[in-house]
PDB file of N, CA and C in Angstrom:
ATOM      1  N   UNK A   1     -29.835 -45.411   0.458  1.00  0.00           N
ATOM      2  CA  UNK A   1     -30.292 -44.272  -0.297  1.00  0.00           C
ATOM      3  C   UNK A   1     -31.248 -44.688  -1.409  1.00  0.00           C
ATOM      4  N   UNK A   2     -31.013 -45.860  -1.951  1.00  0.00           N
ATOM      5  CA  UNK A   2     -31.855 -46.327  -3.051  1.00  0.00           C
ATOM      6  C   UNK A   2     -33.320 -46.371  -2.638  1.00  0.00           C
ATOM      7  N   UNK A   3     -33.583 -46.914  -1.465  1.00  0.00           N
ATOM      8  CA  UNK A   3     -34.977 -47.034  -1.042  1.00  0.00           C
ATOM      9  C   UNK A   3     -35.576 -45.689  -0.682  1.00  0.00           C
ATOM     10  N   UNK A   4     -34.796 -44.785  -0.153  1.00  0.00           N
ATOM     11  CA  UNK A   4     -35.295 -43.434   0.110  1.00  0.00           C
ATOM     12  C   UNK A   4     -35.700 -42.780  -1.203  1.00  0.00           C
ATOM     13  N   UNK A   5     -34.889 -42.967  -2.249  1.00  0.00           N
ATOM     14  CA  UNK A   5     -35.193 -42.395  -3.560  1.00  0.00           C
ATOM     15  C   UNK A   5     -36.473 -42.982  -4.147  1.00  0.00           C
ATOM     16  N   UNK A   6     -36.704 -44.254  -3.926  1.00  0.00           N
ATOM     17  CA  UNK A   6     -37.899 -44.913  -4.456  1.00  0.00           C
ATOM     18  C   UNK A   6     -39.140 -44.534  -3.648  1.00  0.00           C
ATOM     19  N   UNK A   7     -39.007 -44.472  -2.340  1.00  0.00           N
ATOM     20  CA  UNK A   7     -40.164 -44.240  -1.473  1.00  0.00           C
ATOM     21  C   UNK A   7     -40.572 -42.775  -1.329  1.00  0.00           C
ATOM     22  N   UNK A   8     -39.662 -41.855  -1.617  1.00  0.00           N
ATOM     23  CA  UNK A   8     -39.953 -40.433  -1.442  1.00  0.00           C
ATOM     24  C   UNK A   8     -41.214 -40.046  -2.227  1.00  0.00           C
ATOM     25  N   UNK A   9     -42.162 -39.457  -1.520  1.00  0.00           N
ATOM     26  CA  UNK A   9     -43.395 -39.010  -2.140  1.00  0.00           C
ATOM     27  C   UNK A   9     -44.448 -40.088  -2.328  1.00  0.00           C
ATOM     28  N   UNK A  10     -44.097 -41.333  -2.050  1.00  0.00           N
ATOM     29  CA  UNK A  10     -45.049 -42.435  -2.202  1.00  0.00           C
ATOM     30  C   UNK A  10     -45.688 -42.836  -0.869  1.00  0.00           C
ATOM     31  N   UNK A  11     -45.011 -42.518   0.218  1.00  0.00           N
ATOM     32  CA  UNK A  11     -45.543 -42.851   1.533  1.00  0.00           C
ATOM     33  C   UNK A  11     -45.592 -41.594   2.387  1.00  0.00           C
ATOM     34  N   UNK A  12     -46.455 -41.611   3.370  1.00  0.00           N
ATOM     35  CA  UNK A  12     -46.584 -40.462   4.265  1.00  0.00           C
ATOM     36  C   UNK A  12     -45.741 -40.712   5.511  1.00  0.00           C
ATOM     37  N   UNK A  13     -44.444 -40.614   5.317  1.00  0.00           N
ATOM     38  CA  UNK A  13     -43.507 -40.799   6.428  1.00  0.00           C
ATOM     39  C   UNK A  13     -42.223 -40.063   6.095  1.00  0.00           C
ATOM     40  N   UNK A  14     -41.547 -39.604   7.116  1.00  0.00           N
ATOM     41  CA  UNK A  14     -40.230 -39.018   6.923  1.00  0.00           C
ATOM     42  C   UNK A  14     -39.229 -40.149   6.760  1.00  0.00           C
ATOM     43  N   UNK A  15     -38.286 -39.972   5.857  1.00  0.00           N
ATOM     44  CA  UNK A  15     -37.297 -41.007   5.577  1.00  0.00           C
ATOM     45  C   UNK A  15     -35.947 -40.629   6.178  1.00  0.00           C
ATOM     46  N   UNK A  16     -35.172 -41.655   6.556  1.00  0.00           N
ATOM     47  CA  UNK A  16     -33.839 -41.451   7.118  1.00  0.00           C
ATOM     48  C   UNK A  16     -32.860 -42.374   6.410  1.00  0.00           C
ATOM     49  N   UNK A  17     -31.680 -41.857   6.133  1.00  0.00           N
ATOM     50  CA  UNK A  17     -30.584 -42.683   5.629  1.00  0.00           C
ATOM     51  C   UNK A  17     -29.672 -42.918   6.821  1.00  0.00           C
ATOM     52  N   UNK A  18     -29.427 -44.194   7.128  1.00  0.00           N
ATOM     53  CA  UNK A  18     -28.729 -44.518   8.372  1.00  0.00           C
ATOM     54  C   UNK A  18     -27.401 -45.228   8.178  1.00  0.00           C
ATOM     55  N   UNK A  19     -26.962 -45.388   6.953  1.00  0.00           N
ATOM     56  CA  UNK A  19     -25.691 -46.069   6.741  1.00  0.00           C
ATOM     57  C   UNK A  19     -24.838 -45.378   5.707  1.00  0.00           C
ATOM     58  N   UNK A  20     -23.532 -45.496   5.863  1.00  0.00           N
ATOM     59  CA  UNK A  20     -22.552 -44.949   4.922  1.00  0.00           C
ATOM     60  C   UNK A  20     -22.665 -43.440   4.733  1.00  0.00           C
ATOM     61  N   UNK A  21     -22.982 -42.716   5.790  1.00  0.00           N
ATOM     62  CA  UNK A  21     -23.036 -41.257   5.733  1.00  0.00           C
ATOM     63  C   UNK A  21     -21.866 -40.732   6.572  1.00  0.00           C
ATOM     64  N   UNK A  22     -20.831 -40.252   5.878  1.00  0.00           N
ATOM     65  CA  UNK A  22     -19.616 -39.820   6.571  1.00  0.00           C
ATOM     66  C   UNK A  22     -19.185 -38.401   6.220  1.00  0.00           C
ATOM     67  N   UNK A  23     -19.705 -37.861   5.106  1.00  0.00           N
ATOM     68  CA  UNK A  23     -19.263 -36.557   4.625  1.00  0.00           C
ATOM     69  C   UNK A  23     -20.460 -35.673   4.289  1.00  0.00           C
ATOM     70  N   UNK A  24     -20.180 -34.408   4.026  1.00  0.00           N
ATOM     71  CA  UNK A  24     -21.237 -33.490   3.590  1.00  0.00           C
ATOM     72  C   UNK A  24     -21.850 -33.979   2.285  1.00  0.00           C
ATOM     73  N   UNK A  25     -21.031 -34.521   1.404  1.00  0.00           N
ATOM     74  CA  UNK A  25     -21.542 -35.060   0.138  1.00  0.00           C
ATOM     75  C   UNK A  25     -22.546 -36.180   0.392  1.00  0.00           C
ATOM     76  N   UNK A  26     -22.258 -37.043   1.351  1.00  0.00           N
ATOM     77  CA  UNK A  26     -23.178 -38.121   1.702  1.00  0.00           C
ATOM     78  C   UNK A  26     -24.490 -37.562   2.255  1.00  0.00           C
ATOM     79  N   UNK A  27     -24.390 -36.534   3.076  1.00  0.00           N
ATOM     80  CA  UNK A  27     -25.590 -35.894   3.629  1.00  0.00           C
ATOM     81  C   UNK A  27     -26.411 -35.283   2.494  1.00  0.00           C
ATOM     82  N   UNK A  28     -25.741 -34.591   1.578  1.00  0.00           N
ATOM     83  CA  UNK A  28     -26.435 -33.974   0.446  1.00  0.00           C
ATOM     84  C   UNK A  28     -27.127 -35.010  -0.429  1.00  0.00           C
ATOM     85  N   UNK A  29     -26.440 -36.098  -0.717  1.00  0.00           N
ATOM     86  CA  UNK A  29     -27.048 -37.165  -1.514  1.00  0.00           C
ATOM     87  C   UNK A  29     -28.284 -37.715  -0.805  1.00  0.00           C
ATOM     88  N   UNK A  30     -28.178 -37.892   0.501  1.00  0.00           N
ATOM     89  CA  UNK A  30     -29.308 -38.403   1.283  1.00  0.00           C
ATOM     90  C   UNK A  30     -30.515 -37.470   1.178  1.00  0.00           C
ATOM     91  N   UNK A  31     -30.262 -36.176   1.286  1.00  0.00           N
ATOM     92  CA  UNK A  31     -31.341 -35.197   1.208  1.00  0.00           C
ATOM     93  C   UNK A  31     -31.924 -35.138  -0.204  1.00  0.00           C
ATOM     94  N   UNK A  32     -31.073 -35.238  -1.211  1.00  0.00           N
ATOM     95  CA  UNK A  32     -31.530 -35.146  -2.594  1.00  0.00           C
ATOM     96  C   UNK A  32     -32.394 -36.333  -3.008  1.00  0.00           C
ATOM     97  N   UNK A  33     -32.160 -37.484  -2.410  1.00  0.00           N
ATOM     98  CA  UNK A  33     -33.014 -38.628  -2.731  1.00  0.00           C
ATOM     99  C   UNK A  33     -34.305 -38.615  -1.920  1.00  0.00           C
ATOM    100  N   UNK A  34     -34.394 -37.712  -0.927  1.00  0.00           N
ATOM    101  CA  UNK A  34     -35.654 -37.559  -0.215  1.00  0.00           C
ATOM    102  C   UNK A  34     -35.617 -37.752   1.284  1.00  0.00           C
ATOM    103  N   UNK A  35     -34.469 -38.064   1.849  1.00  0.00           N
ATOM    104  CA  UNK A  35     -34.391 -38.256   3.297  1.00  0.00           C
ATOM    105  C   UNK A  35     -34.556 -36.920   4.027  1.00  0.00           C
ATOM    106  N   UNK A  36     -35.149 -36.981   5.191  1.00  0.00           N
ATOM    107  CA  UNK A  36     -35.220 -35.813   6.070  1.00  0.00           C
ATOM    108  C   UNK A  36     -34.086 -35.847   7.083  1.00  0.00           C
ATOM    109  N   UNK A  37     -33.502 -37.050   7.262  1.00  0.00           N
ATOM    110  CA  UNK A  37     -32.442 -37.251   8.249  1.00  0.00           C
ATOM    111  C   UNK A  37     -31.335 -38.094   7.627  1.00  0.00           C
ATOM    112  N   UNK A  38     -30.092 -37.702   7.890  1.00  0.00           N
ATOM    113  CA  UNK A  38     -28.938 -38.514   7.515  1.00  0.00           C
ATOM    114  C   UNK A  38     -28.147 -38.745   8.799  1.00  0.00           C
ATOM    115  N   UNK A  39     -28.076 -39.982   9.222  1.00  0.00           N
ATOM    116  CA  UNK A  39     -27.422 -40.313  10.481  1.00  0.00           C
ATOM    117  C   UNK A  39     -25.908 -40.391  10.290  1.00  0.00           C
ATOM    118  N   UNK A  40     -25.177 -39.565  11.040  1.00  0.00           N
ATOM    119  CA  UNK A  40     -23.716 -39.506  10.901  1.00  0.00           C
ATOM    120  C   UNK A  40     -22.998 -40.031  12.146  1.00  0.00           C
ATOM    121  N   UNK A  41     -23.673 -40.854  12.920  1.00  0.00           N
ATOM    122  CA  UNK A  41     -23.105 -41.344  14.181  1.00  0.00           C
ATOM    123  C   UNK A  41     -21.757 -42.029  13.982  1.00  0.00           C
ATOM    124  N   UNK A  42     -21.642 -42.888  12.972  1.00  0.00           N
ATOM    125  CA  UNK A  42     -20.371 -43.600  12.790  1.00  0.00           C
ATOM    126  C   UNK A  42     -19.254 -42.639  12.382  1.00  0.00           C
ATOM    127  N   UNK A  43     -19.565 -41.597  11.611  1.00  0.00           N
ATOM    128  CA  UNK A  43     -18.542 -40.599  11.261  1.00  0.00           C
ATOM    129  C   UNK A  43     -18.056 -39.892  12.515  1.00  0.00           C
ATOM    130  N   UNK A  44     -18.962 -39.588  13.428  1.00  0.00           N
ATOM    131  CA  UNK A  44     -18.588 -38.934  14.682  1.00  0.00           C
ATOM    132  C   UNK A  44     -17.767 -39.865  15.568  1.00  0.00           C
ATOM    133  N   UNK A  45     -18.162 -41.124  15.636  1.00  0.00           N
ATOM    134  CA  UNK A  45     -17.433 -42.093  16.455  1.00  0.00           C
ATOM    135  C   UNK A  45     -16.021 -42.342  15.912  1.00  0.00           C
ATOM    136  N   UNK A  46     -15.882 -42.430  14.602  1.00  0.00           N
ATOM    137  CA  UNK A  46     -14.579 -42.720  13.993  1.00  0.00           C
ATOM    138  C   UNK A  46     -13.651 -41.520  13.961  1.00  0.00           C
ATOM    139  N   UNK A  47     -14.229 -40.322  13.762  1.00  0.00           N
ATOM    140  CA  UNK A  47     -13.399 -39.142  13.520  1.00  0.00           C
ATOM    141  C   UNK A  47     -13.459 -38.081  14.600  1.00  0.00           C
ATOM    142  N   UNK A  48     -14.357 -38.230  15.550  1.00  0.00           N
ATOM    143  CA  UNK A  48     -14.497 -37.235  16.606  1.00  0.00           C
ATOM    144  C   UNK A  48     -15.534 -36.173  16.271  1.00  0.00           C
ATOM    145  N   UNK A  49     -15.883 -35.400  17.265  1.00  0.00           N
ATOM    146  CA  UNK A  49     -16.937 -34.401  17.118  1.00  0.00           C
ATOM    147  C   UNK A  49     -16.564 -33.280  16.146  1.00  0.00           C
ATOM    148  N   UNK A  50     -15.258 -33.042  15.938  1.00  0.00           N
ATOM    149  CA  UNK A  50     -14.847 -31.961  15.040  1.00  0.00           C
ATOM    150  C   UNK A  50     -15.345 -32.166  13.609  1.00  0.00           C
ATOM    151  N   UNK A  51     -15.622 -33.423  13.231  1.00  0.00           N
ATOM    152  CA  UNK A  51     -16.097 -33.703  11.878  1.00  0.00           C
ATOM    153  C   UNK A  51     -17.461 -33.038  11.622  1.00  0.00           C
ATOM    154  N   UNK A  52     -18.221 -32.825  12.676  1.00  0.00           N
ATOM    155  CA  UNK A  52     -19.518 -32.162  12.539  1.00  0.00           C
ATOM    156  C   UNK A  52     -19.342 -30.741  12.000  1.00  0.00           C
ATOM    157  N   UNK A  53     -18.365 -30.021  12.518  1.00  0.00           N
ATOM    158  CA  UNK A  53     -18.078 -28.668  12.017  1.00  0.00           C
ATOM    159  C   UNK A  53     -17.688 -28.705  10.536  1.00  0.00           C
ATOM    160  N   UNK A  54     -16.854 -29.673  10.177  1.00  0.00           N
ATOM    161  CA  UNK A  54     -16.426 -29.800   8.782  1.00  0.00           C
ATOM    162  C   UNK A  54     -17.621 -30.066   7.869  1.00  0.00           C
ATOM    163  N   UNK A  55     -18.501 -30.956   8.297  1.00  0.00           N
ATOM    164  CA  UNK A  55     -19.685 -31.287   7.500  1.00  0.00           C
ATOM    165  C   UNK A  55     -20.581 -30.060   7.344  1.00  0.00           C
ATOM    166  N   UNK A  56     -20.822 -29.344   8.417  1.00  0.00           N
ATOM    167  CA  UNK A  56     -21.679 -28.158   8.345  1.00  0.00           C
ATOM    168  C   UNK A  56     -21.086 -27.080   7.440  1.00  0.00           C
ATOM    169  N   UNK A  57     -19.787 -26.853   7.529  1.00  0.00           N
ATOM    170  CA  UNK A  57     -19.123 -25.868   6.663  1.00  0.00           C
ATOM    171  C   UNK A  57     -19.255 -26.280   5.197  1.00  0.00           C
ATOM    172  N   UNK A  58     -19.002 -27.548   4.916  1.00  0.00           N
ATOM    173  CA  UNK A  58     -19.095 -28.039   3.539  1.00  0.00           C
ATOM    174  C   UNK A  58     -20.530 -27.969   3.020  1.00  0.00           C
ATOM    175  N   UNK A  59     -21.507 -28.281   3.882  1.00  0.00           N
ATOM    176  CA  UNK A  59     -22.915 -28.185   3.479  1.00  0.00           C
ATOM    177  C   UNK A  59     -23.285 -26.750   3.122  1.00  0.00           C
ATOM    178  N   UNK A  60     -22.922 -25.822   3.988  1.00  0.00           N
ATOM    179  CA  UNK A  60     -23.227 -24.406   3.724  1.00  0.00           C
ATOM    180  C   UNK A  60     -22.568 -23.934   2.434  1.00  0.00           C
ATOM    181  N   UNK A  61     -21.322 -24.326   2.219  1.00  0.00           N
ATOM    182  CA  UNK A  61     -20.589 -23.932   1.014  1.00  0.00           C
ATOM    183  C   UNK A  61     -21.290 -24.469  -0.235  1.00  0.00           C
ATOM    184  N   UNK A  62     -21.690 -25.734  -0.192  1.00  0.00           N
ATOM    185  CA  UNK A  62     -22.364 -26.342  -1.344  1.00  0.00           C
ATOM    186  C   UNK A  62     -23.691 -25.641  -1.627  1.00  0.00           C
ATOM    187  N   UNK A  63     -24.472 -25.394  -0.584  1.00  0.00           N
ATOM    188  CA  UNK A  63     -25.763 -24.719  -0.769  1.00  0.00           C
ATOM    189  C   UNK A  63     -25.579 -23.332  -1.383  1.00  0.00           C
ATOM    190  N   UNK A  64     -24.601 -22.589  -0.901  1.00  0.00           N
ATOM    191  CA  UNK A  64     -24.328 -21.256  -1.448  1.00  0.00           C
ATOM    192  C   UNK A  64     -23.883 -21.336  -2.906  1.00  0.00           C
ATOM    193  N   UNK A  65     -22.960 -22.247  -3.193  1.00  0.00           N
ATOM    194  CA  UNK A  65     -22.436 -22.395  -4.552  1.00  0.00           C
ATOM    195  C   UNK A  65     -23.541 -22.740  -5.546  1.00  0.00           C
ATOM    196  N   UNK A  66     -24.486 -23.568  -5.115  1.00  0.00           N
ATOM    197  CA  UNK A  66     -25.564 -24.008  -5.997  1.00  0.00           C
ATOM    198  C   UNK A  66     -26.844 -23.189  -5.827  1.00  0.00           C
ATOM    199  N   UNK A  67     -26.727 -22.087  -5.098  1.00  0.00           N
ATOM    200  CA  UNK A  67     -27.802 -21.102  -4.928  1.00  0.00           C
ATOM    201  C   UNK A  67     -29.086 -21.681  -4.325  1.00  0.00           C
ATOM    202  N   UNK A  68     -28.904 -22.520  -3.320  1.00  0.00           N
ATOM    203  CA  UNK A  68     -30.037 -23.015  -2.553  1.00  0.00           C
ATOM    204  C   UNK A  68     -30.132 -22.221  -1.262  1.00  0.00           C
ATOM    205  N   UNK A  69     -31.344 -21.895  -0.875  1.00  0.00           N
ATOM    206  CA  UNK A  69     -31.560 -21.183   0.377  1.00  0.00           C
ATOM    207  C   UNK A  69     -31.596 -22.147   1.563  1.00  0.00           C
ATOM    208  N   UNK A  70     -31.995 -23.397   1.290  1.00  0.00           N
ATOM    209  CA  UNK A  70     -32.105 -24.385   2.361  1.00  0.00           C
ATOM    210  C   UNK A  70     -32.011 -25.792   1.775  1.00  0.00           C
ATOM    211  N   UNK A  71     -31.796 -26.744   2.654  1.00  0.00           N
ATOM    212  CA  UNK A  71     -31.793 -28.147   2.234  1.00  0.00           C
ATOM    213  C   UNK A  71     -33.183 -28.549   1.771  1.00  0.00           C
ATOM    214  N   UNK A  72     -34.200 -28.043   2.424  1.00  0.00           N
ATOM    215  CA  UNK A  72     -35.580 -28.398   2.060  1.00  0.00           C
ATOM    216  C   UNK A  72     -35.876 -28.070   0.598  1.00  0.00           C
ATOM    217  N   UNK A  73     -35.282 -27.026   0.086  1.00  0.00           N
ATOM    218  CA  UNK A  73     -35.505 -26.593  -1.292  1.00  0.00           C
ATOM    219  C   UNK A  73     -35.074 -27.670  -2.300  1.00  0.00           C
ATOM    220  N   UNK A  74     -34.016 -28.415  -2.003  1.00  0.00           N
ATOM    221  CA  UNK A  74     -33.538 -29.427  -2.942  1.00  0.00           C
ATOM    222  C   UNK A  74     -33.885 -30.850  -2.526  1.00  0.00           C
ATOM    223  N   UNK A  75     -34.596 -30.979  -1.423  1.00  0.00           N
ATOM    224  CA  UNK A  75     -34.938 -32.297  -0.898  1.00  0.00           C
ATOM    225  C   UNK A  75     -35.822 -33.065  -1.877  1.00  0.00           C
ATOM    226  N   UNK A  76     -35.411 -34.279  -2.193  1.00  0.00           N
ATOM    227  CA  UNK A  76     -36.173 -35.136  -3.090  1.00  0.00           C
ATOM    228  C   UNK A  76     -35.930 -34.873  -4.569  1.00  0.00           C
ATOM    229  N   UNK A  77     -35.049 -33.940  -4.900  1.00  0.00           N
ATOM    230  CA  UNK A  77     -34.820 -33.576  -6.305  1.00  0.00           C
ATOM    231  C   UNK A  77     -34.227 -34.714  -7.135  1.00  0.00           C
ATOM    232  N   UNK A  78     -33.606 -35.679  -6.490  1.00  0.00           N
ATOM    233  CA  UNK A  78     -33.029 -36.821  -7.202  1.00  0.00           C
ATOM    234  C   UNK A  78     -33.763 -38.125  -6.884  1.00  0.00           C
ATOM    235  N   UNK A  79     -34.980 -37.993  -6.414  1.00  0.00           N
ATOM    236  CA  UNK A  79     -35.773 -39.191  -6.126  1.00  0.00           C
ATOM    237  C   UNK A  79     -36.343 -39.750  -7.424  1.00  0.00           C
ATOM    238  N   UNK A  80     -36.839 -40.948  -7.365  1.00  0.00           N
ATOM    239  CA  UNK A  80     -37.430 -41.578  -8.545  1.00  0.00           C
ATOM    240  C   UNK A  80     -38.576 -40.738  -9.077  1.00  0.00           C
ATOM    241  N   UNK A  81     -39.289 -40.112  -8.198  1.00  0.00           N
ATOM    242  CA  UNK A  81     -40.450 -39.300  -8.575  1.00  0.00           C
ATOM    243  C   UNK A  81     -40.064 -38.109  -9.454  1.00  0.00           C
ATOM    244  N   UNK A  82     -38.835 -37.618  -9.340  1.00  0.00           N
ATOM    245  CA  UNK A  82     -38.422 -36.413 -10.053  1.00  0.00           C
ATOM    246  C   UNK A  82     -37.472 -36.647 -11.217  1.00  0.00           C
ATOM    247  N   UNK A  83     -37.202 -37.882 -11.562  1.00  0.00           N
ATOM    248  CA  UNK A  83     -36.327 -38.131 -12.706  1.00  0.00           C
ATOM    249  C   UNK A  83     -37.164 -38.191 -13.986  1.00  0.00           C
ATOM    250  N   UNK A  84     -36.519 -37.936 -15.114  1.00  0.00           N
ATOM    251  CA  UNK A  84     -37.226 -37.887 -16.398  1.00  0.00           C
ATOM    252  C   UNK A  84     -37.834 -39.243 -16.774  1.00  0.00           C
ATOM    253  N   UNK A  85     -37.139 -40.329 -16.461  1.00  0.00           N
ATOM    254  CA  UNK A  85     -37.621 -41.662 -16.816  1.00  0.00           C
ATOM    255  C   UNK A  85     -37.652 -42.557 -15.578  1.00  0.00           C
ATOM    256  N   UNK A  86     -38.736 -42.502 -14.803  1.00  0.00           N
ATOM    257  CA  UNK A  86     -38.815 -43.310 -13.583  1.00  0.00           C
ATOM    258  C   UNK A  86     -38.632 -44.807 -13.818  1.00  0.00           C
ATOM    259  N   UNK A  87     -39.109 -45.316 -14.948  1.00  0.00           N
ATOM    260  CA  UNK A  87     -38.967 -46.751 -15.228  1.00  0.00           C
ATOM    261  C   UNK A  87     -37.490 -47.121 -15.395  1.00  0.00           C
ATOM    262  N   UNK A  88     -36.727 -46.261 -16.047  1.00  0.00           N
ATOM    263  CA  UNK A  88     -35.287 -46.518 -16.221  1.00  0.00           C
ATOM    264  C   UNK A  88     -34.588 -46.495 -14.868  1.00  0.00           C
ATOM    265  N   UNK A  89     -35.001 -45.584 -14.005  1.00  0.00           N
ATOM    266  CA  UNK A  89     -34.462 -45.493 -12.648  1.00  0.00           C
ATOM    267  C   UNK A  89     -34.692 -46.817 -11.921  1.00  0.00           C
ATOM    268  N   UNK A  90     -35.905 -47.337 -12.027  1.00  0.00           N
ATOM    269  CA  UNK A  90     -36.252 -48.595 -11.361  1.00  0.00           C
ATOM    270  C   UNK A  90     -35.453 -49.763 -11.928  1.00  0.00           C
ATOM    271  N   UNK A  91     -35.310 -49.822 -13.245  1.00  0.00           N
ATOM    272  CA  UNK A  91     -34.522 -50.899 -13.875  1.00  0.00           C
ATOM    273  C   UNK A  91     -33.066 -50.853 -13.437  1.00  0.00           C
ATOM    274  N   UNK A  92     -32.510 -49.652 -13.391  1.00  0.00           N
ATOM    275  CA  UNK A  92     -31.105 -49.508 -12.984  1.00  0.00           C
ATOM    276  C   UNK A  92     -30.912 -49.994 -11.556  1.00  0.00           C
ATOM    277  N   UNK A  93     -31.849 -49.677 -10.685  1.00  0.00           N
ATOM    278  CA  UNK A  93     -31.743 -50.142  -9.300  1.00  0.00           C
ATOM    279  C   UNK A  93     -31.928 -51.648  -9.208  1.00  0.00           C
ATOM    280  N   UNK A  94     -32.815 -52.197 -10.015  1.00  0.00           N
ATOM    281  CA  UNK A  94     -33.029 -53.639 -10.049  1.00  0.00           C
ATOM    282  C   UNK A  94     -31.742 -54.342 -10.489  1.00  0.00           C
ATOM    283  N   UNK A  95     -31.086 -53.816 -11.521  1.00  0.00           N
ATOM    284  CA  UNK A  95     -29.834 -54.404 -12.004  1.00  0.00           C
ATOM    285  C   UNK A  95     -28.742 -54.309 -10.941  1.00  0.00           C
ATOM    286  N   UNK A  96     -28.721 -53.220 -10.208  1.00  0.00           N
ATOM    287  CA  UNK A  96     -27.723 -53.059  -9.150  1.00  0.00           C
ATOM    288  C   UNK A  96     -27.918 -54.127  -8.076  1.00  0.00           C
ATOM    289  N   UNK A  97     -29.163 -54.384  -7.727  1.00  0.00           N
ATOM    290  CA  UNK A  97     -29.457 -55.424  -6.732  1.00  0.00           C
ATOM    291  C   UNK A  97     -29.032 -56.791  -7.258  1.00  0.00           C
ATOM    292  N   UNK A  98     -29.383 -57.100  -8.491  1.00  0.00           N
ATOM    293  CA  UNK A  98     -29.000 -58.399  -9.062  1.00  0.00           C
ATOM    294  C   UNK A  98     -27.483 -58.577  -9.095  1.00  0.00           C
ATOM    295  N   UNK A  99     -26.775 -57.526  -9.434  1.00  0.00           N
ATOM    296  CA  UNK A  99     -25.311 -57.616  -9.517  1.00  0.00           C
ATOM    297  C   UNK A  99     -24.650 -57.712  -8.149  1.00  0.00           C
ATOM    298  N   UNK A 100     -25.396 -57.412  -7.092  1.00  0.00           N
ATOM    299  CA  UNK A 100     -24.813 -57.459  -5.751  1.00  0.00           C
ATOM    300  C   UNK A 100     -24.791 -58.883  -5.176  1.00  0.00           C
ATOM    301  N   UNK A 101     -25.532 -59.793  -5.790  1.00  0.00           N
ATOM    302  CA  UNK A 101     -25.570 -61.162  -5.298  1.00  0.00           C
ATOM    303  C   UNK A 101     -24.395 -61.964  -5.855  1.00  0.00           C
ATOM    304  N   UNK A 102     -23.829 -62.800  -4.996  1.00  0.00           N
ATOM    305  CA  UNK A 102     -22.772 -63.701  -5.415  1.00  0.00           C
ATOM    306  C   UNK A 102     -23.354 -65.102  -5.504  1.00  0.00           C
ATOM    307  N   UNK A 103     -23.065 -65.747  -6.604  1.00  0.00           N
ATOM    308  CA  UNK A 103     -23.540 -67.120  -6.781  1.00  0.00           C
ATOM    309  C   UNK A 103     -22.404 -68.056  -6.395  1.00  0.00           C
ATOM    310  N   UNK A 104     -22.692 -68.962  -5.491  1.00  0.00           N
ATOM    311  CA  UNK A 104     -21.705 -69.937  -5.073  1.00  0.00           C
ATOM    312  C   UNK A 104     -22.131 -71.325  -5.536  1.00  0.00           C
ATOM    313  N   UNK A 105     -21.274 -71.959  -6.305  1.00  0.00           N
ATOM    314  CA  UNK A 105     -21.566 -73.303  -6.805  1.00  0.00           C
ATOM    315  C   UNK A 105     -20.776 -74.299  -5.977  1.00  0.00           C
ATOM    316  N   UNK A 106     -21.460 -75.327  -5.522  1.00  0.00           N
ATOM    317  CA  UNK A 106     -20.792 -76.337  -4.699  1.00  0.00           C
ATOM    318  C   UNK A 106     -20.541 -77.585  -5.461  1.00  0.00           C
TER     319      UNK A 106
END
């Protein structure tokens, strides 16, 4: 999702989030950072096809509650391009990457 948020609006390509998408919340986050597609294959494989109905119901409920007419309306709203301080967004992501590395001393 981090790279979708950074790349949204900077390149002329549709973006997809292809990992760790298991719930409606994950789909919404993917769309808000700028993805056009959120791949839920692993959620379907692990939980069965019925999870698709649950995700769609939850998506519709969230859109109604937050007064959105469509996913497209909120797409990219949480991308780097739309935050108040893009530089802070970039620094926070840089720190997250640095903290993800493990240093092994031999």
